[in-house]
C-alpha atoms as a PDB file:
ATOM      1  CA  UNK A   1       0.000   0.000   0.000  1.00  0.00           C
ATOM      2  CA  UNK A   2       2.936   2.362   0.516  1.00  0.00           C
ATOM      3  CA  UNK A   3       3.551   2.326  -3.250  1.00  0.00           C
ATOM      4  CA  UNK A   4      -0.042   3.023  -4.263  1.00  0.00           C
ATOM      5  CA  UNK A   5      -0.517   6.180  -6.321  1.00  0.00           C
ATOM      6  CA  UNK A   6      -3.902   7.785  -6.922  1.00  0.00           C
ATOM      7  CA  UNK A   7      -2.927   8.837 -10.457  1.00  0.00           C
ATOM      8  CA  UNK A   8      -2.217   5.263 -11.553  1.00  0.00           C
ATOM      9  CA  UNK A   9      -5.788   4.255 -10.723  1.00  0.00           C
ATOM     10  CA  UNK A  10      -7.420   7.612 -11.521  1.00  0.00           C
ATOM     11  CA  UNK A  11      -6.788   8.524 -15.157  1.00  0.00           C
ATOM     12  CA  UNK A  12      -8.769  10.990 -17.199  1.00  0.00           C
ATOM     13  CA  UNK A  13      -9.528   9.539 -20.633  1.00  0.00           C
ATOM     14  CA  UNK A  14     -10.475  11.627 -23.624  1.00  0.00           C
ATOM     15  CA  UNK A  15     -11.631   9.299 -26.395  1.00  0.00           C
ATOM     16  CA  UNK A  16     -11.325  10.380 -29.993  1.00  0.00           C
ATOM     17  CA  UNK A  17     -14.889  10.542 -31.377  1.00  0.00           C
ATOM     18  CA  UNK A  18     -14.085   8.324 -34.372  1.00  0.00           C
ATOM     19  CA  UNK A  19     -10.814   6.465 -33.776  1.00  0.00           C
ATOM     20  CA  UNK A  20     -11.698   5.776 -30.138  1.00  0.00           C
ATOM     21  CA  UNK A  21     -14.274   3.267 -31.388  1.00  0.00           C
ATOM     22  CA  UNK A  22     -11.713   1.222 -33.339  1.00  0.00           C
ATOM     23  CA  UNK A  23      -9.677  -1.062 -31.028  1.00  0.00           C
ATOM     24  CA  UNK A  24      -6.432  -0.848 -33.018  1.00  0.00           C
ATOM     25  CA  UNK A  25      -6.563   2.949 -33.284  1.00  0.00           C
ATOM     26  CA  UNK A  26      -7.924   3.590 -29.786  1.00  0.00           C
ATOM     27  CA  UNK A  27      -4.480   3.211 -28.180  1.00  0.00           C
ATOM     28  CA  UNK A  28      -3.024   5.785 -30.568  1.00  0.00           C
ATOM     29  CA  UNK A  29      -5.839   8.312 -30.468  1.00  0.00           C
ATOM     30  CA  UNK A  30      -7.271   8.277 -26.940  1.00  0.00           C
ATOM     31  CA  UNK A  31      -5.615  10.675 -24.521  1.00  0.00           C
ATOM     32  CA  UNK A  32      -5.015   9.108 -21.091  1.00  0.00           C
ATOM     33  CA  UNK A  33      -3.482  11.148 -18.311  1.00  0.00           C
ATOM     34  CA  UNK A  34      -3.124  10.654 -14.578  1.00  0.00           C
ATOM     35  CA  UNK A  35      -5.317  13.145 -12.795  1.00  0.00           C
ATOM     36  CA  UNK A  36      -6.253  14.165  -9.313  1.00  0.00           C
ATOM     37  CA  UNK A  37      -9.642  15.206  -8.058  1.00  0.00           C
ATOM     38  CA  UNK A  38     -12.760  13.411  -6.997  1.00  0.00           C
ATOM     39  CA  UNK A  39     -16.514  14.013  -6.821  1.00  0.00           C
ATOM     40  CA  UNK A  40     -16.222  16.407  -3.860  1.00  0.00           C
ATOM     41  CA  UNK A  41     -13.120  18.416  -4.822  1.00  0.00           C
ATOM     42  CA  UNK A  42     -12.572  21.704  -6.629  1.00  0.00           C
ATOM     43  CA  UNK A  43     -10.896  19.790  -9.455  1.00  0.00           C
ATOM     44  CA  UNK A  44     -13.990  17.665  -9.976  1.00  0.00           C
ATOM     45  CA  UNK A  45     -13.567  14.184 -11.446  1.00  0.00           C
ATOM     46  CA  UNK A  46     -16.286  11.583 -11.066  1.00  0.00           C
ATOM     47  CA  UNK A  47     -15.463   7.873 -10.765  1.00  0.00           C
ATOM     48  CA  UNK A  48     -17.649   4.795 -11.160  1.00  0.00           C
ATOM     49  CA  UNK A  49     -16.804   2.776  -8.045  1.00  0.00           C
ATOM     50  CA  UNK A  50     -19.011  -0.156  -9.118  1.00  0.00           C
ATOM     51  CA  UNK A  51     -16.902  -0.787 -12.258  1.00  0.00           C
ATOM     52  CA  UNK A  52     -14.783  -3.857 -11.335  1.00  0.00           C
ATOM     53  CA  UNK A  53     -12.214  -3.244 -14.107  1.00  0.00           C
ATOM     54  CA  UNK A  54     -11.526   0.432 -13.350  1.00  0.00           C
ATOM     55  CA  UNK A  55     -13.366   1.593 -10.209  1.00  0.00           C
ATOM     56  CA  UNK A  56     -11.367   4.819  -9.829  1.00  0.00           C
ATOM     57  CA  UNK A  57     -11.075   5.895 -13.471  1.00  0.00           C
ATOM     58  CA  UNK A  58     -12.104   9.488 -14.075  1.00  0.00           C
ATOM     59  CA  UNK A  59     -15.250   9.211 -16.183  1.00  0.00           C
ATOM     60  CA  UNK A  60     -16.646  12.733 -15.950  1.00  0.00           C
ATOM     61  CA  UNK A  61     -15.098  16.123 -15.383  1.00  0.00           C
ATOM     62  CA  UNK A  62     -14.360  19.456 -17.043  1.00  0.00           C
ATOM     63  CA  UNK A  63     -12.484  19.318 -20.339  1.00  0.00           C
ATOM     64  CA  UNK A  64     -12.472  23.124 -20.457  1.00  0.00           C
ATOM     65  CA  UNK A  65     -11.850  25.405 -17.509  1.00  0.00           C
ATOM     66  CA  UNK A  66     -11.764  29.178 -17.461  1.00  0.00           C
ATOM     67  CA  UNK A  67     -11.206  31.937 -14.956  1.00  0.00           C
ATOM     68  CA  UNK A  68     -12.812  35.192 -16.063  1.00  0.00           C
ATOM     69  CA  UNK A  69     -11.636  38.279 -14.208  1.00  0.00           C
ATOM     70  CA  UNK A  70     -14.689  40.524 -14.444  1.00  0.00           C
ATOM     71  CA  UNK A  71     -12.781  43.503 -13.052  1.00  0.00           C
ATOM     72  CA  UNK A  72     -10.112  43.142 -15.769  1.00  0.00           C
ATOM     73  CA  UNK A  73     -11.068  40.815 -18.649  1.00  0.00           C
ATOM     74  CA  UNK A  74      -7.505  41.062 -19.997  1.00  0.00           C
ATOM     75  CA  UNK A  75      -6.493  38.983 -16.967  1.00  0.00           C
ATOM     76  CA  UNK A  76      -8.793  36.056 -17.937  1.00  0.00           C
ATOM     77  CA  UNK A  77      -7.345  32.603 -18.527  1.00  0.00           C
ATOM     78  CA  UNK A  78      -8.433  29.174 -19.808  1.00  0.00           C
ATOM     79  CA  UNK A  79      -7.291  25.559 -20.004  1.00  0.00           C
ATOM     80  CA  UNK A  80      -8.431  22.820 -22.336  1.00  0.00           C
ATOM     81  CA  UNK A  81      -7.583  19.167 -21.884  1.00  0.00           C
ATOM     82  CA  UNK A  82      -7.110  17.959 -25.415  1.00  0.00           C
ATOM     83  CA  UNK A  83      -5.379  20.673 -27.411  1.00  0.00           C
ATOM     84  CA  UNK A  84      -6.750  22.493 -30.457  1.00  0.00           C
ATOM     85  CA  UNK A  85      -6.427  19.683 -33.012  1.00  0.00           C
ATOM     86  CA  UNK A  86      -8.676  16.670 -33.528  1.00  0.00           C
ATOM     87  CA  UNK A  87      -5.971  14.990 -35.598  1.00  0.00           C
ATOM     88  CA  UNK A  88      -3.974  12.403 -33.589  1.00  0.00           C
ATOM     89  CA  UNK A  89      -1.011  12.881 -35.959  1.00  0.00           C
ATOM     90  CA  UNK A  90      -0.779  16.598 -35.143  1.00  0.00           C
ATOM     91  CA  UNK A  91       1.652  17.865 -32.475  1.00  0.00           C
ATOM     92  CA  UNK A  92      -1.273  19.973 -31.222  1.00  0.00           C
ATOM     93  CA  UNK A  93      -3.533  16.961 -30.593  1.00  0.00           C
ATOM     94  CA  UNK A  94      -2.787  16.519 -26.874  1.00  0.00           C
ATOM     95  CA  UNK A  95      -0.284  19.294 -26.243  1.00  0.00           C
ATOM     96  CA  UNK A  96      -2.299  20.931 -23.450  1.00  0.00           C
ATOM     97  CA  UNK A  97      -3.216  17.781 -21.463  1.00  0.00           C
ATOM     98  CA  UNK A  98      -0.440  18.078 -18.857  1.00  0.00           C
ATOM     99  CA  UNK A  99      -1.056  21.800 -18.334  1.00  0.00           C
ATOM    100  CA  UNK A 100      -4.804  21.093 -17.955  1.00  0.00           C
ATOM    101  CA  UNK A 101      -4.081  18.412 -15.354  1.00  0.00           C
ATOM    102  CA  UNK A 102      -1.574  20.578 -13.491  1.00  0.00           C
ATOM    103  CA  UNK A 103      -3.897  23.600 -13.306  1.00  0.00           C
ATOM    104  CA  UNK A 104      -1.879  25.796 -15.669  1.00  0.00           C
ATOM    105  CA  UNK A 105      -3.838  28.307 -17.698  1.00  0.00           C
ATOM    106  CA  UNK A 106      -3.385  30.189 -20.976  1.00  0.00           C
ATOM    107  CA  UNK A 107      -4.076  33.906 -21.168  1.00  0.00           C
ATOM    108  CA  UNK A 108      -7.074  34.696 -23.372  1.00  0.00           C
ATOM    109  CA  UNK A 109      -5.988  37.115 -26.117  1.00  0.00           C
ATOM    110  CA  UNK A 110      -7.969  40.351 -25.990  1.00  0.00           C
ATOM    111  CA  UNK A 111      -7.255  41.727 -29.453  1.00  0.00           C
ATOM    112  CA  UNK A 112      -6.775  40.335 -32.926  1.00  0.00           C
ATOM    113  CA  UNK A 113      -3.149  41.510 -32.796  1.00  0.00           C
ATOM    114  CA  UNK A 114      -2.566  39.566 -29.537  1.00  0.00           C
ATOM    115  CA  UNK A 115      -4.127  36.437 -31.048  1.00  0.00           C
ATOM    116  CA  UNK A 116      -1.978  36.693 -34.181  1.00  0.00           C
ATOM    117  CA  UNK A 117       1.171  37.378 -32.131  1.00  0.00           C
ATOM    118  CA  UNK A 118       0.660  34.183 -30.096  1.00  0.00           C
ATOM    119  CA  UNK A 119      -0.363  32.003 -33.038  1.00  0.00           C
ATOM    120  CA  UNK A 120       1.567  29.504 -35.134  1.00  0.00           C
ATOM    121  CA  UNK A 121       0.080  30.968 -38.295  1.00  0.00           C
ATOM    122  CA  UNK A 122      -3.140  31.894 -39.994  1.00  0.00           C
ATOM    123  CA  UNK A 123      -5.428  29.665 -42.014  1.00  0.00           C
ATOM    124  CA  UNK A 124      -7.768  31.506 -44.339  1.00  0.00           C
ATOM    125  CA  UNK A 125     -10.908  29.785 -45.589  1.00  0.00           C
ATOM    126  CA  UNK A 126     -12.146  31.540 -48.703  1.00  0.00           C
ATOM    127  CA  UNK A 127     -15.390  30.502 -50.410  1.00  0.00           C
ATOM    128  CA  UNK A 128     -15.172  29.528 -54.072  1.00  0.00           C
ATOM    129  CA  UNK A 129     -16.545  32.131 -56.470  1.00  0.00           C
END
């Protein structure tokens, strides 16, 4: 019991909506990360204790968290668990998972210039004429 770790039994799982249903691809596309929290904590994470295979797995919790400073909106921050890409081959697929787990937040850009300055680039979608 001295070597037990809550995170080994309590993992947050974010299943890919398509590849998570295919056994071979599930291991490559699902994001699994040790997480803290419980049903009665600030960092809420519900478990299903009656599941004999994984009674402490995190089955429900916030994938997006935000702190909005209403006295100074420029001081607002957010965290998202899965990153901005739905493509498992992208480096941005799960790049925010550890920060989400560790309670680290990203400043919300307040202007277009701030958003462009912090971006990796711009993608323009232009309708066909």
